[in-house]
């Protein structure tokens, strides 16, 4: 139950909700006080999205109450339009902007200023957009079509649109899933501006570093109930993860059973002018090697160069035979190298195509006839095998588009499609970005099972806990170079940051390259 002194925000009281016979929320009570960032965390399926939809008037709960600014709200007449008028704004992960319309038109959509009758006051519309964007520290041109903006810029427009309604409670659902570097810093600045304005911010994220940097309070949902809540300053990261999954964080990272064998991937003097300089590294069969570094350290460029996605100089050998640098990803695949990029939606999935198509897209020779026609029965059989192996949740058996799956299940699809080429070396860039803790554990266990079978794995991650927990050895990268190697008891966050600090003039945070 919320305190009286926090009545300026929003509070959900004893919320129950079911979909059919399945309970989703079971007696959830929590509040979002003003001038505060509250982290709402939990695994996929814990009830977070349903809770936000209830707050935003999109879903009517089975029972329970809602207080907005200290006043009770009747759920019977509570709609998205009323929530918006009342000052509630939900910025969903999937953006809801109209691409051909301008930034100003999107911000005023639904409450356009008018001169007389139906005539739009475009001057007022533009001025309003400029004001909203300026409050967020953005200089985006209000006249630009939204479809020309980057994902980060579109997100700012979404937030500006929410604030244009006078939002006093703003919920951000996985706002950083597609951001990195300067874009991420801009998002943090925006959140801090909202707090200074007295806004109650609800922040949904799977990234622990963001929660501990931005949020003052946390609420953990697990299986539809509040598993824990309190001040972020009073909880450790491992404790928070344990509240989310119900077991110690050490259990998330399985140990490999196989003794690392001969070198499978050996890289010598790999260079991408201006980005990567003289990188030497090796990965043995049955081994996971992690790469840690700051934004701009060159980690992602290194991964792309190893896969032939960007031109490079130097040498790349697989199983003792020099095969690269590769001139193309096709050449890398032929040599037994597979690559999961950091942006799965833009670079790894055909979101509108069925899951079964995505799963078999790298092994068409297995599912097509001599005439090049897809054999649907074979395609479905192959895709079902991958779904079962990786425990991918597909409500329609793989016939749904990839876009319909959660982030964790999408990532499993990307992993599954590459396993079809039976690679010798697997390179993963941000393998669990936007993925809940439970799905992370499943991905970690599958990677360990693969290394036990002799696969060599190179992992790049902006989460130091992930790099250290998953890897047998950790390579630290700075300014395009490998500046150190850590393993065993020496592989600690402090030692990683010490290597980075010595090599980088202005270290800030471990973020994606």
Protein backbone atom coordinates (compact mmCIF):
# COMPACT_ATOMS: atom_id res chain seq x y z
CA UNK A 1 0.00 0.00 0.00
CA UNK A 2 1.45 3.42 -0.94
CA UNK A 3 2.39 6.00 1.67
CA UNK A 4 0.26 9.13 1.88
CA UNK A 5 3.35 11.23 1.21
CA UNK A 6 3.78 9.41 -2.10
CA UNK A 7 0.22 10.03 -3.25
CA UNK A 8 1.45 12.22 -6.11
CA UNK A 9 2.30 9.15 -8.20
CA UNK A 10 0.39 5.98 -9.07
CA UNK A 11 -0.40 2.89 -7.06
CA UNK A 12 -1.84 -0.50 -8.04
CA UNK A 13 -3.57 -2.29 -5.18
CA UNK A 14 -4.16 -6.05 -4.83
CA UNK A 15 -4.27 -6.64 -8.59
CA UNK A 16 -5.44 -10.02 -9.83
CA UNK A 17 -5.66 -10.94 -13.49
CA UNK A 18 -6.12 -14.11 -15.49
CA UNK A 19 -6.02 -14.92 -19.18
CA UNK A 20 -8.53 -17.72 -19.57
CA UNK A 21 -7.78 -20.07 -16.69
CA UNK A 22 -4.14 -19.00 -16.35
CA UNK A 23 -3.37 -16.57 -13.50
CA UNK A 24 -0.96 -13.83 -14.58
CA UNK A 25 -1.07 -11.46 -11.59
CA UNK A 26 -1.90 -12.63 -8.08
CA UNK A 27 -2.49 -9.91 -5.51
CA UNK A 28 0.11 -7.42 -6.75
CA UNK A 29 0.37 -4.15 -4.82
CA UNK A 30 2.99 -1.57 -5.66
CA UNK A 31 3.38 2.16 -6.07
CA UNK A 32 5.35 4.54 -8.29
CA UNK A 33 6.15 7.74 -6.36
CA UNK A 34 6.95 11.06 -8.10
CA UNK A 35 10.53 12.23 -8.73
CA UNK A 36 11.65 8.62 -8.49
CA UNK A 37 12.78 5.94 -10.95
CA UNK A 38 11.33 2.57 -9.99
CA UNK A 39 12.82 -0.50 -11.65
CA UNK A 40 10.19 -3.12 -12.52
CA UNK A 41 12.11 -6.34 -13.09
CA UNK A 42 11.42 -10.01 -13.59
CA UNK A 43 11.65 -12.79 -16.13
CA UNK A 44 9.51 -12.86 -19.24
CA UNK A 45 6.10 -14.10 -18.20
CA UNK A 46 6.42 -12.68 -14.68
CA UNK A 47 3.56 -10.23 -15.36
CA UNK A 48 5.41 -6.98 -16.08
CA UNK A 49 3.81 -6.25 -19.46
CA UNK A 50 0.31 -7.05 -18.17
CA UNK A 51 0.86 -4.73 -15.22
CA UNK A 52 1.92 -1.87 -17.52
CA UNK A 53 -1.11 -2.47 -19.75
CA UNK A 54 -3.37 -2.25 -16.70
CA UNK A 55 -1.68 0.99 -15.65
CA UNK A 56 -2.14 2.35 -19.18
CA UNK A 57 -5.80 1.37 -19.44
CA UNK A 58 -5.20 -1.24 -22.14
CA UNK A 59 -6.23 -4.19 -19.94
CA UNK A 60 -8.94 -4.30 -17.29
CA UNK A 61 -7.83 -6.48 -14.35
CA UNK A 62 -9.96 -9.26 -12.92
CA UNK A 63 -9.96 -7.40 -9.59
CA UNK A 64 -8.02 -4.78 -7.69
CA UNK A 65 -7.72 -1.03 -7.39
CA UNK A 66 -5.82 1.91 -8.85
CA UNK A 67 -4.88 5.22 -7.22
CA UNK A 68 -3.71 8.09 -9.40
CA UNK A 69 -2.28 11.03 -7.49
CA UNK A 70 -4.08 9.86 -4.37
CA UNK A 71 -7.51 9.51 -5.98
CA UNK A 72 -9.22 6.14 -6.66
CA UNK A 73 -9.92 5.23 -10.29
CA UNK A 74 -12.84 3.13 -11.51
CA UNK A 75 -11.42 0.43 -13.81
CA UNK A 76 -14.84 0.13 -15.46
CA UNK A 77 -14.36 3.46 -17.24
CA UNK A 78 -10.56 3.49 -17.37
CA UNK A 79 -9.39 3.44 -21.00
CA UNK A 80 -6.09 4.27 -22.76
CA UNK A 81 -7.56 7.66 -23.73
CA UNK A 82 -8.48 8.41 -20.13
CA UNK A 83 -5.09 7.22 -18.89
CA UNK A 84 -3.45 9.58 -21.36
CA UNK A 85 -5.64 12.50 -20.30
CA UNK A 86 -4.88 11.69 -16.67
CA UNK A 87 -1.14 11.88 -17.28
CA UNK A 88 -0.15 8.23 -17.67
CA UNK A 89 2.21 7.42 -20.56
CA UNK A 90 3.41 3.93 -21.48
CA UNK A 91 6.32 3.86 -23.95
CA UNK A 92 6.29 0.27 -25.20
CA UNK A 93 9.34 -1.51 -26.55
CA UNK A 94 7.71 -1.80 -29.98
CA UNK A 95 7.42 1.80 -31.13
CA UNK A 96 4.04 3.10 -32.31
CA UNK A 97 4.97 6.03 -34.55
CA UNK A 98 3.68 6.73 -38.06
CA UNK A 99 6.73 6.63 -40.32
CA UNK A 100 5.63 8.94 -43.20
CA UNK A 101 4.44 11.66 -40.81
CA UNK A 102 6.81 14.30 -39.49
CA UNK A 103 8.16 14.38 -35.95
CA UNK A 104 5.84 17.29 -35.10
CA UNK A 105 2.81 15.48 -36.52
CA UNK A 106 3.59 12.36 -34.52
CA UNK A 107 4.04 14.26 -31.27
CA UNK A 108 0.65 16.02 -31.69
CA UNK A 109 -1.14 12.99 -33.13
CA UNK A 110 -4.62 12.76 -31.61
CA UNK A 111 -4.58 16.24 -30.09
CA UNK A 112 -3.54 18.42 -33.04
CA UNK A 113 -3.80 22.20 -32.56
CA UNK A 114 -6.20 23.86 -35.00
CA UNK A 115 -6.84 27.36 -36.28
CA UNK A 116 -10.46 27.29 -37.39
CA UNK A 117 -12.60 24.22 -37.87
CA UNK A 118 -10.62 21.28 -39.24
CA UNK A 119 -7.58 23.35 -40.32
CA UNK A 120 -4.41 22.27 -38.53
CA UNK A 121 -2.24 24.95 -36.93
CA UNK A 122 1.08 23.65 -38.22
CA UNK A 123 3.05 26.55 -36.76
CA UNK A 124 1.72 25.76 -33.28
CA UNK A 125 2.31 22.06 -33.89
CA UNK A 126 5.93 22.67 -34.81
CA UNK A 127 6.50 25.01 -31.87
CA UNK A 128 5.01 22.47 -29.46
CA UNK A 129 7.29 19.74 -30.84
CA UNK A 130 10.36 21.96 -30.51
CA UNK A 131 9.45 22.67 -26.89
CA UNK A 132 8.95 18.99 -26.02
CA UNK A 133 12.19 17.95 -27.72
CA UNK A 134 14.12 20.79 -26.09
CA UNK A 135 12.98 19.60 -22.68
CA UNK A 136 14.61 16.27 -23.52
CA UNK A 137 17.81 17.91 -24.70
CA UNK A 138 17.19 16.92 -28.33
CA UNK A 139 17.71 18.94 -31.50
CA UNK A 140 15.78 16.65 -33.86
CA UNK A 141 14.21 18.60 -36.74
CA UNK A 142 10.42 18.60 -36.12
CA UNK A 143 9.82 18.59 -39.89
CA UNK A 144 11.72 15.37 -40.59
CA UNK A 145 9.68 12.26 -41.38
CA UNK A 146 9.97 9.78 -38.51
CA UNK A 147 10.97 7.00 -40.93
CA UNK A 148 14.25 8.85 -41.57
CA UNK A 149 15.26 8.83 -37.90
CA UNK A 150 17.48 6.35 -36.08
CA UNK A 151 15.94 4.01 -33.51
CA UNK A 152 17.35 6.16 -30.71
CA UNK A 153 15.83 9.31 -32.20
CA UNK A 154 12.47 7.61 -32.64
CA UNK A 155 12.54 6.64 -29.01
CA UNK A 156 13.04 10.27 -28.02
CA UNK A 157 10.07 11.20 -30.19
CA UNK A 158 7.99 8.55 -28.40
CA UNK A 159 8.94 10.06 -25.03
CA UNK A 160 8.29 13.61 -26.29
CA UNK A 161 4.88 12.44 -27.50
CA UNK A 162 4.15 11.05 -24.04
CA UNK A 163 5.22 14.28 -22.33
CA UNK A 164 3.13 16.36 -24.74
CA UNK A 165 0.06 15.05 -22.91
CA UNK A 166 1.42 16.35 -19.62
CA UNK A 167 2.49 12.93 -18.41
CA UNK A 168 3.13 12.65 -14.67
CA UNK A 169 3.82 8.90 -14.73
CA UNK A 170 5.99 7.55 -17.55
CA UNK A 171 6.68 3.83 -18.00
CA UNK A 172 9.60 2.87 -20.24
CA UNK A 173 9.51 -0.77 -21.39
CA UNK A 174 13.01 -2.01 -22.33
CA UNK A 175 14.03 1.45 -23.61
CA UNK A 176 17.71 0.53 -24.04
CA UNK A 177 17.29 -2.75 -25.93
CA UNK A 178 18.49 -1.22 -29.22
CA UNK A 179 20.77 1.51 -27.86
CA UNK A 180 24.49 1.75 -27.16
CA UNK A 181 27.21 4.28 -26.47
CA UNK A 182 26.16 7.92 -26.84
CA UNK A 183 22.55 6.93 -27.53
CA UNK A 184 22.39 5.15 -24.19
CA UNK A 185 23.86 8.16 -22.40
CA UNK A 186 21.19 10.35 -24.00
CA UNK A 187 18.48 8.04 -22.69
CA UNK A 188 19.92 8.24 -19.18
CA UNK A 189 19.94 12.06 -19.41
CA UNK A 190 16.31 12.04 -20.50
CA UNK A 191 15.30 9.87 -17.53
CA UNK A 192 17.16 12.17 -15.15
CA UNK A 193 15.38 15.20 -16.67
CA UNK A 194 12.01 13.53 -16.14
CA UNK A 195 12.83 12.92 -12.48
CA UNK A 196 13.84 16.56 -11.99
CA UNK A 197 10.44 17.55 -13.40
CA UNK A 198 8.72 15.49 -10.70
CA UNK A 199 7.67 12.67 -13.01
CA UNK A 200 7.27 9.14 -11.63
CA UNK A 201 9.32 6.90 -13.92
CA UNK A 202 8.76 3.15 -14.24
CA UNK A 203 11.84 1.56 -15.81
CA UNK A 204 11.63 -2.00 -17.19
CA UNK A 205 14.99 -3.50 -18.13
CA UNK A 206 16.92 -6.76 -18.01
CA UNK A 207 20.24 -4.88 -17.74
CA UNK A 208 21.48 -4.77 -14.18
CA UNK A 209 24.00 -1.98 -14.77
CA UNK A 210 21.21 0.39 -15.84
CA UNK A 211 19.04 -0.45 -12.86
CA UNK A 212 21.84 0.28 -10.41
CA UNK A 213 22.79 3.49 -12.20
CA UNK A 214 19.35 5.02 -12.79
CA UNK A 215 16.86 3.63 -10.30
CA UNK A 216 16.23 4.48 -6.68
CA UNK A 217 13.65 1.75 -6.03
CA UNK A 218 13.03 -1.76 -7.33
CA UNK A 219 10.06 -4.10 -7.53
CA UNK A 220 10.62 -7.73 -8.52
CA UNK A 221 7.80 -9.75 -10.07
CA UNK A 222 8.08 -13.53 -10.16
CA UNK A 223 5.25 -15.78 -11.30
CA UNK A 224 2.70 -13.00 -10.95
CA UNK A 225 3.52 -11.93 -7.38
CA UNK A 226 5.83 -9.34 -5.83
CA UNK A 227 8.93 -11.34 -4.87
CA UNK A 228 10.79 -8.36 -3.45
CA UNK A 229 10.82 -4.56 -3.28
CA UNK A 230 12.95 -1.86 -1.70
CA UNK A 231 15.71 0.67 -2.22
CA UNK A 232 18.28 -0.14 -4.90
CA UNK A 233 21.00 1.16 -2.57
CA UNK A 234 20.13 -1.63 -0.11
CA UNK A 235 20.42 -4.59 -2.49
CA UNK A 236 23.31 -6.28 -4.29
CA UNK A 237 23.09 -7.31 -7.94
CA UNK A 238 23.33 -11.01 -7.09
CA UNK A 239 20.51 -10.64 -4.57
CA UNK A 240 18.30 -8.92 -7.14
CA UNK A 241 18.88 -11.66 -9.70
CA UNK A 242 18.16 -14.33 -7.08
CA UNK A 243 14.83 -12.62 -6.31
CA UNK A 244 14.00 -12.73 -10.02
CA UNK A 245 14.82 -16.38 -10.66
CA UNK A 246 14.49 -17.92 -7.20
CA UNK A 247 18.03 -19.30 -7.01
CA UNK A 248 21.61 -17.99 -6.53
CA UNK A 249 23.22 -16.16 -9.45
CA UNK A 250 26.14 -18.61 -9.40
CA UNK A 251 23.72 -21.28 -10.62
CA UNK A 252 23.10 -19.33 -13.84
CA UNK A 253 26.53 -20.12 -15.26
CA UNK A 254 27.12 -23.86 -15.74
CA UNK A 255 30.67 -25.11 -15.70
CA UNK A 256 32.02 -26.89 -18.74
CA UNK A 257 32.60 -30.61 -18.41
CA UNK A 258 35.04 -31.01 -21.29
CA UNK A 259 38.75 -30.24 -21.01
CA UNK A 260 39.61 -27.66 -23.71
CA UNK A 261 41.26 -29.34 -26.67
CA UNK A 262 43.37 -28.11 -29.58
CA UNK A 263 43.13 -24.59 -30.95
CA UNK A 264 40.15 -24.22 -33.28
CA UNK A 265 40.37 -20.48 -33.99
CA UNK A 266 43.66 -18.63 -34.22
CA UNK A 267 43.87 -14.98 -35.18
CA UNK A 268 47.11 -13.13 -35.91
CA UNK A 269 47.59 -9.40 -36.40
CA UNK A 270 43.98 -8.78 -37.39
CA UNK A 271 43.58 -5.14 -38.36
CA UNK A 272 40.68 -2.97 -39.47
CA UNK A 273 42.17 0.46 -40.21
CA UNK A 274 41.11 3.04 -37.64
CA UNK A 275 39.17 0.54 -35.50
CA UNK A 276 41.10 -2.65 -34.72
CA UNK A 277 44.88 -2.92 -34.57
CA UNK A 278 47.02 -6.07 -34.57
CA UNK A 279 44.71 -8.37 -32.59
CA UNK A 280 46.10 -11.80 -31.69
CA UNK A 281 43.83 -14.34 -30.03
CA UNK A 282 43.00 -18.04 -29.95
CA UNK A 283 40.04 -20.15 -28.86
CA UNK A 284 40.35 -23.88 -28.21
CA UNK A 285 37.79 -26.59 -28.83
CA UNK A 286 35.49 -26.81 -25.79
CA UNK A 287 36.40 -23.31 -24.57
CA UNK A 288 34.47 -20.06 -24.06
CA UNK A 289 36.59 -16.93 -24.43
CA UNK A 290 35.00 -13.61 -23.47
CA UNK A 291 35.89 -10.12 -24.64
CA UNK A 292 35.24 -7.13 -22.36
CA UNK A 293 35.77 -3.47 -23.18
CA UNK A 294 34.35 0.04 -23.26
CA UNK A 295 32.17 1.66 -25.86
CA UNK A 296 34.30 2.17 -28.95
CA UNK A 297 36.93 -0.37 -27.91
CA UNK A 298 36.48 -2.23 -31.20
CA UNK A 299 34.87 -5.43 -29.91
CA UNK A 300 31.95 -5.51 -32.35
CA UNK A 301 34.19 -4.50 -35.25
CA UNK A 302 36.50 -7.39 -34.37
CA UNK A 303 33.56 -9.82 -34.44
CA UNK A 304 32.40 -8.56 -37.83
CA UNK A 305 35.93 -8.75 -39.21
CA UNK A 306 36.27 -12.36 -38.06
CA UNK A 307 33.04 -13.16 -39.91
CA UNK A 308 34.04 -11.36 -43.10
CA UNK A 309 31.38 -8.65 -42.66
CA UNK A 310 34.02 -5.87 -42.76
CA UNK A 311 37.36 -5.91 -44.65
CA UNK A 312 40.41 -6.74 -42.55
CA UNK A 313 44.11 -7.60 -42.78
CA UNK A 314 46.01 -10.28 -40.89
CA UNK A 315 45.43 -14.02 -40.60
CA UNK A 316 42.58 -16.27 -39.48
CA UNK A 317 43.02 -20.02 -39.09
CA UNK A 318 40.45 -22.69 -38.27
CA UNK A 319 41.71 -26.09 -37.08
CA UNK A 320 45.25 -25.20 -38.06
CA UNK A 321 44.44 -24.19 -41.64
CA UNK A 322 44.69 -20.56 -42.68
CA UNK A 323 41.36 -19.57 -44.20
CA UNK A 324 41.08 -15.80 -43.74
CA UNK A 325 40.56 -12.92 -43.25
CA UNK A 326 37.35 -13.75 -45.07
CA UNK A 327 36.19 -11.78 -48.05
CA UNK A 328 32.54 -12.38 -47.18
CA UNK A 329 30.31 -14.01 -44.55
CA UNK A 330 29.66 -16.83 -47.03
CA UNK A 331 33.37 -17.68 -46.99
CA UNK A 332 33.37 -17.63 -43.19
CA UNK A 333 30.41 -20.02 -43.04
CA UNK A 334 32.14 -22.42 -45.45
CA UNK A 335 35.16 -22.42 -43.12
CA UNK A 336 32.97 -23.30 -40.12
CA UNK A 337 32.53 -19.86 -38.53
CA UNK A 338 29.08 -18.62 -37.41
CA UNK A 339 28.21 -15.20 -36.01
CA UNK A 340 25.30 -13.87 -33.92
CA UNK A 341 25.24 -10.06 -34.31
CA UNK A 342 24.35 -7.67 -31.49
CA UNK A 343 21.22 -6.35 -33.26
CA UNK A 344 19.22 -9.51 -33.92
CA UNK A 345 16.17 -7.68 -35.28
CA UNK A 346 18.07 -5.71 -37.92
CA UNK A 347 20.81 -8.18 -38.81
CA UNK A 348 19.79 -11.72 -37.86
CA UNK A 349 16.05 -12.22 -38.29
CA UNK A 350 13.43 -11.83 -40.99
CA UNK A 351 10.85 -10.60 -38.49
CA UNK A 352 7.83 -10.92 -40.78
CA UNK A 353 8.69 -14.44 -41.89
CA UNK A 354 7.59 -17.53 -39.94
CA UNK A 355 9.82 -18.91 -37.21
CA UNK A 356 10.22 -22.16 -39.17
CA UNK A 357 11.58 -20.19 -42.15
CA UNK A 358 14.08 -18.32 -39.97
CA UNK A 359 15.26 -21.56 -38.35
CA UNK A 360 16.00 -23.24 -41.69
CA UNK A 361 17.27 -20.19 -43.62
CA UNK A 362 20.92 -21.22 -43.18
CA UNK A 363 20.34 -24.83 -44.24
CA UNK A 364 18.18 -24.58 -47.35
CA UNK A 365 19.95 -27.55 -48.93
CA UNK A 366 18.36 -29.76 -46.26
CA UNK A 367 14.80 -28.58 -46.87
CA UNK A 368 14.71 -28.03 -50.66
CA UNK A 369 14.31 -30.46 -53.54
CA UNK A 370 16.71 -30.85 -56.47
CA UNK A 371 14.58 -28.32 -58.31
CA UNK A 372 15.06 -25.78 -55.53
CA UNK A 373 11.51 -26.08 -54.17
CA UNK A 374 11.00 -25.97 -50.41
CA UNK A 375 9.75 -29.27 -49.01
CA UNK A 376 7.34 -27.99 -46.36
CA UNK A 377 7.11 -31.26 -44.44
CA UNK A 378 10.91 -31.44 -44.13
CA UNK A 379 11.11 -27.75 -43.22
CA UNK A 380 8.59 -28.23 -40.42
CA UNK A 381 10.34 -31.36 -39.15
CA UNK A 382 13.74 -29.66 -39.04
CA UNK A 383 12.36 -26.53 -37.37
CA UNK A 384 10.46 -28.59 -34.77
CA UNK A 385 13.70 -30.35 -33.86
CA UNK A 386 15.42 -27.02 -33.18
CA UNK A 387 12.43 -25.74 -31.23
CA UNK A 388 12.56 -28.78 -28.96
CA UNK A 389 16.36 -28.66 -28.57
CA UNK A 390 16.41 -25.00 -27.49
CA UNK A 391 13.01 -24.97 -25.72
CA UNK A 392 11.78 -22.15 -27.94
CA UNK A 393 8.26 -21.07 -26.99
CA UNK A 394 6.21 -20.99 -30.21
CA UNK A 395 2.45 -20.83 -29.54
CA UNK A 396 1.66 -21.66 -33.17
CA UNK A 397 4.30 -24.31 -33.65
CA UNK A 398 6.65 -22.12 -35.67
CA UNK A 399 4.05 -20.71 -38.06
CA UNK A 400 3.96 -17.32 -36.31
CA UNK A 401 6.27 -14.52 -37.50
CA UNK A 402 9.54 -14.15 -35.61
CA UNK A 403 8.41 -10.68 -34.52
CA UNK A 404 5.70 -12.30 -32.35
CA UNK A 405 8.24 -13.98 -30.04
CA UNK A 406 9.80 -12.55 -26.90
CA UNK A 407 13.39 -11.30 -27.02
CA UNK A 408 14.72 -14.46 -25.42
CA UNK A 409 12.92 -16.73 -27.84
CA UNK A 410 14.03 -14.61 -30.80
CA UNK A 411 17.62 -15.01 -29.68
CA UNK A 412 17.16 -18.76 -29.44
CA UNK A 413 15.89 -18.74 -33.03
CA UNK A 414 19.05 -16.95 -34.15
CA UNK A 415 21.21 -19.44 -32.25
CA UNK A 416 19.20 -22.35 -33.63
CA UNK A 417 19.53 -21.30 -37.26
CA UNK A 418 23.32 -21.12 -36.95
CA UNK A 419 23.57 -24.49 -35.28
CA UNK A 420 22.19 -25.95 -38.52
CA UNK A 421 25.48 -25.21 -40.31
CA UNK A 422 27.32 -27.25 -37.63
CA UNK A 423 29.97 -24.58 -37.01
CA UNK A 424 33.37 -25.17 -35.51
CA UNK A 425 33.58 -21.61 -34.16
CA UNK A 426 30.66 -19.59 -32.81
CA UNK A 427 31.01 -15.82 -32.31
CA UNK A 428 28.32 -14.14 -30.20
CA UNK A 429 27.99 -10.36 -29.86
CA UNK A 430 25.67 -9.41 -26.97
CA UNK A 431 24.05 -12.89 -26.87
CA UNK A 432 21.52 -11.98 -24.17
CA UNK A 433 20.70 -8.32 -24.87
CA UNK A 434 17.04 -7.70 -24.04
CA UNK A 435 16.69 -11.26 -22.75
CA UNK A 436 15.22 -12.09 -19.34
CA UNK A 437 17.24 -13.94 -16.73
CA UNK A 438 15.49 -17.28 -17.22
CA UNK A 439 16.12 -17.27 -20.97
CA UNK A 440 19.71 -16.23 -20.31
CA UNK A 441 20.24 -19.32 -18.20
CA UNK A 442 18.87 -21.54 -20.98
CA UNK A 443 21.18 -19.90 -23.52
CA UNK A 444 24.18 -20.31 -21.20
CA UNK A 445 23.41 -24.00 -20.71
CA UNK A 446 23.09 -24.59 -24.43
CA UNK A 447 26.43 -22.85 -25.05
CA UNK A 448 28.10 -25.06 -22.46
CA UNK A 449 26.53 -28.15 -24.00
CA UNK A 450 27.96 -27.07 -27.36
CA UNK A 451 31.45 -26.50 -25.98
CA UNK A 452 31.29 -29.92 -24.32
CA UNK A 453 30.84 -31.26 -27.86
CA UNK A 454 33.98 -29.43 -29.05
CA UNK A 455 32.66 -26.09 -30.29
CA UNK A 456 34.90 -23.02 -29.78
CA UNK A 457 32.93 -19.99 -28.53
CA UNK A 458 33.94 -16.32 -28.57
CA UNK A 459 31.56 -14.11 -26.52
CA UNK A 460 31.32 -10.32 -26.52
CA UNK A 461 29.11 -8.74 -23.87
CA UNK A 462 28.62 -5.36 -22.22
CA UNK A 463 27.61 -7.13 -18.98
CA UNK A 464 30.74 -7.91 -17.00
CA UNK A 465 28.88 -10.42 -14.83
CA UNK A 466 28.03 -12.34 -18.00
CA UNK A 467 31.54 -12.20 -19.43
CA UNK A 468 33.13 -13.35 -16.19
CA UNK A 469 30.53 -15.99 -15.36
CA UNK A 470 30.41 -17.60 -18.79
CA UNK A 471 34.03 -17.48 -19.93
CA UNK A 472 37.01 -19.73 -19.29
CA UNK A 473 39.28 -16.82 -20.22
CA UNK A 474 38.60 -13.11 -20.60
CA UNK A 475 40.38 -10.86 -23.07
CA UNK A 476 40.20 -7.15 -22.31
CA UNK A 477 40.03 -4.79 -25.28
CA UNK A 478 40.71 -1.05 -25.40
CA UNK A 479 41.38 1.36 -28.27
CA UNK A 480 41.18 -1.44 -30.82
CA UNK A 481 43.77 -3.65 -29.11
CA UNK A 482 43.82 -6.59 -26.71
CA UNK A 483 45.40 -5.10 -23.57
CA UNK A 484 45.27 -8.09 -21.26
CA UNK A 485 44.05 -11.59 -20.48
CA UNK A 486 42.46 -12.81 -17.24
CA UNK A 487 41.49 -16.28 -16.08
CA UNK A 488 40.75 -18.19 -12.92
CA UNK A 489 40.70 -16.16 -9.72
CA UNK A 490 42.24 -13.18 -11.57
CA UNK A 491 39.13 -12.74 -13.72
CA UNK A 492 37.32 -10.13 -11.60
CA UNK A 493 35.48 -6.91 -12.38
CA UNK A 494 38.17 -4.94 -10.57
CA UNK A 495 40.98 -6.43 -12.68
CA UNK A 496 39.04 -5.90 -15.92
CA UNK A 497 38.50 -2.24 -15.09
CA UNK A 498 42.11 -1.85 -14.00
CA UNK A 499 43.31 -3.04 -17.42
CA UNK A 500 40.84 -0.74 -19.17
CA UNK A 501 41.82 2.24 -17.02
CA UNK A 502 45.50 1.82 -17.79
CA UNK A 503 44.81 1.58 -21.52
CA UNK A 504 42.01 4.16 -21.92
CA UNK A 505 42.43 7.88 -21.23
CA UNK A 506 38.78 8.46 -20.22
CA UNK A 507 37.03 5.24 -19.16
CA UNK A 508 33.34 5.65 -18.36
CA UNK A 509 31.37 2.42 -18.34
CA UNK A 510 31.42 -1.01 -19.89
CA UNK A 511 28.94 -0.58 -22.74
CA UNK A 512 28.51 -2.09 -26.20
CA UNK A 513 31.16 -1.29 -28.80
